[in-house]
Amino acid sequence: MVDKKNNKESQVYKFYKLDGNSIECLKRDCPRCGKGVFMAAHKDRLTCGKCGFTEFNKKK
């Protein structure tokens, strides 16, 4: 899929890991935006780039 704005290819395949017959998602989906919108992993939080939803990691 080509992004019309920047003419760059989508790299969503990097967010998944394939092992034989199983597929594992490496990033978490945003609970507000739904499937297909992934959250960025920062040092102390997860953030959605689309809606700005933020979840902070719990301290141990």
C-alpha atoms as a PDB file:
ATOM      1  CA  MET A   1       0.000   0.000   0.000  1.00  0.00           C
ATOM      2  CA  VAL A   2       1.353   3.423  -0.948  1.00  0.00           C
ATOM      3  CA  ASP A   3       0.673   6.500   1.161  1.00  0.00           C
ATOM      4  CA  LYS A   4      -0.717   9.232  -1.102  1.00  0.00           C
ATOM      5  CA  LYS A   5       0.755  12.044   0.981  1.00  0.00           C
ATOM      6  CA  ASN A   6       4.438  11.043   0.992  1.00  0.00           C
ATOM      7  CA  ASN A   7       4.454   8.300  -1.665  1.00  0.00           C
ATOM      8  CA  LYS A   8       6.040   5.933   0.858  1.00  0.00           C
ATOM      9  CA  GLU A   9       5.139   2.292   1.292  1.00  0.00           C
ATOM     10  CA  SER A  10       3.402   1.233   4.488  1.00  0.00           C
ATOM     11  CA  GLN A  11       5.661  -0.750   6.816  1.00  0.00           C
ATOM     12  CA  VAL A  12       2.990  -2.337   9.009  1.00  0.00           C
ATOM     13  CA  TYR A  13       4.602  -5.754   8.415  1.00  0.00           C
ATOM     14  CA  LYS A  14       7.342  -4.724  10.882  1.00  0.00           C
ATOM     15  CA  PHE A  15       4.786  -4.794  13.734  1.00  0.00           C
ATOM     16  CA  TYR A  16       4.211  -8.561  13.385  1.00  0.00           C
ATOM     17  CA  LYS A  17       6.399 -11.588  14.054  1.00  0.00           C
ATOM     18  CA  LEU A  18       5.932 -14.828  12.111  1.00  0.00           C
ATOM     19  CA  ASP A  19       6.895 -18.187  13.643  1.00  0.00           C
ATOM     20  CA  GLY A  20       5.921 -21.118  11.471  1.00  0.00           C
ATOM     21  CA  ASN A  21       2.111 -21.143  11.546  1.00  0.00           C
ATOM     22  CA  SER A  22       1.662 -18.514  14.258  1.00  0.00           C
ATOM     23  CA  ILE A  23       1.522 -14.722  13.997  1.00  0.00           C
ATOM     24  CA  GLU A  24       2.373 -12.468  16.944  1.00  0.00           C
ATOM     25  CA  CYS A  25       1.645  -8.734  17.116  1.00  0.00           C
ATOM     26  CA  LEU A  26       4.602  -6.822  18.584  1.00  0.00           C
ATOM     27  CA  LYS A  27       2.775  -3.525  19.189  1.00  0.00           C
ATOM     28  CA  ARG A  28      -0.437  -2.859  21.100  1.00  0.00           C
ATOM     29  CA  ASP A  29      -3.587  -1.558  19.391  1.00  0.00           C
ATOM     30  CA  CYS A  30      -5.062   1.715  20.619  1.00  0.00           C
ATOM     31  CA  PRO A  31      -8.185   1.076  22.758  1.00  0.00           C
ATOM     32  CA  ARG A  32      -9.862   4.266  21.459  1.00  0.00           C
ATOM     33  CA  CYS A  33      -9.052   4.045  17.739  1.00  0.00           C
ATOM     34  CA  GLY A  34      -9.391   0.264  17.414  1.00  0.00           C
ATOM     35  CA  LYS A  35      -7.678  -2.336  15.279  1.00  0.00           C
ATOM     36  CA  GLY A  36      -4.930  -1.212  12.928  1.00  0.00           C
ATOM     37  CA  VAL A  37      -3.842   1.854  14.921  1.00  0.00           C
ATOM     38  CA  PHE A  38      -0.759   0.958  16.918  1.00  0.00           C
ATOM     39  CA  MET A  39       0.650   2.619  20.015  1.00  0.00           C
ATOM     40  CA  ALA A  40       4.269   3.822  20.200  1.00  0.00           C
ATOM     41  CA  ALA A  41       6.365   2.368  23.010  1.00  0.00           C
ATOM     42  CA  HIS A  42       8.330   4.989  24.939  1.00  0.00           C
ATOM     43  CA  LYS A  43      10.512   4.502  28.011  1.00  0.00           C
ATOM     44  CA  ASP A  44       7.720   5.083  30.526  1.00  0.00           C
ATOM     45  CA  ARG A  45       4.488   5.047  28.477  1.00  0.00           C
ATOM     46  CA  LEU A  46       2.526   3.861  25.440  1.00  0.00           C
ATOM     47  CA  THR A  47       1.118   6.600  23.191  1.00  0.00           C
ATOM     48  CA  CYS A  48      -1.265   6.649  20.229  1.00  0.00           C
ATOM     49  CA  GLY A  49      -0.088   8.944  17.437  1.00  0.00           C
ATOM     50  CA  LYS A  50      -3.572   9.383  16.038  1.00  0.00           C
ATOM     51  CA  CYS A  51      -5.710  10.380  19.051  1.00  0.00           C
ATOM     52  CA  GLY A  52      -3.043  11.085  21.694  1.00  0.00           C
ATOM     53  CA  PHE A  53      -4.229   8.417  24.144  1.00  0.00           C
ATOM     54  CA  THR A  54      -1.454   7.677  26.680  1.00  0.00           C
ATOM     55  CA  GLU A  55      -0.965   4.811  29.138  1.00  0.00           C
ATOM     56  CA  PHE A  56       1.827   5.055  31.671  1.00  0.00           C
ATOM     57  CA  ASN A  57       3.789   1.966  32.722  1.00  0.00           C
ATOM     58  CA  LYS A  58       3.359   0.916  36.336  1.00  0.00           C
ATOM     59  CA  LYS A  59       6.420   1.191  38.544  1.00  0.00           C
ATOM     60  CA  LYS A  60       7.545  -1.982  40.271  1.00  0.00           C
END
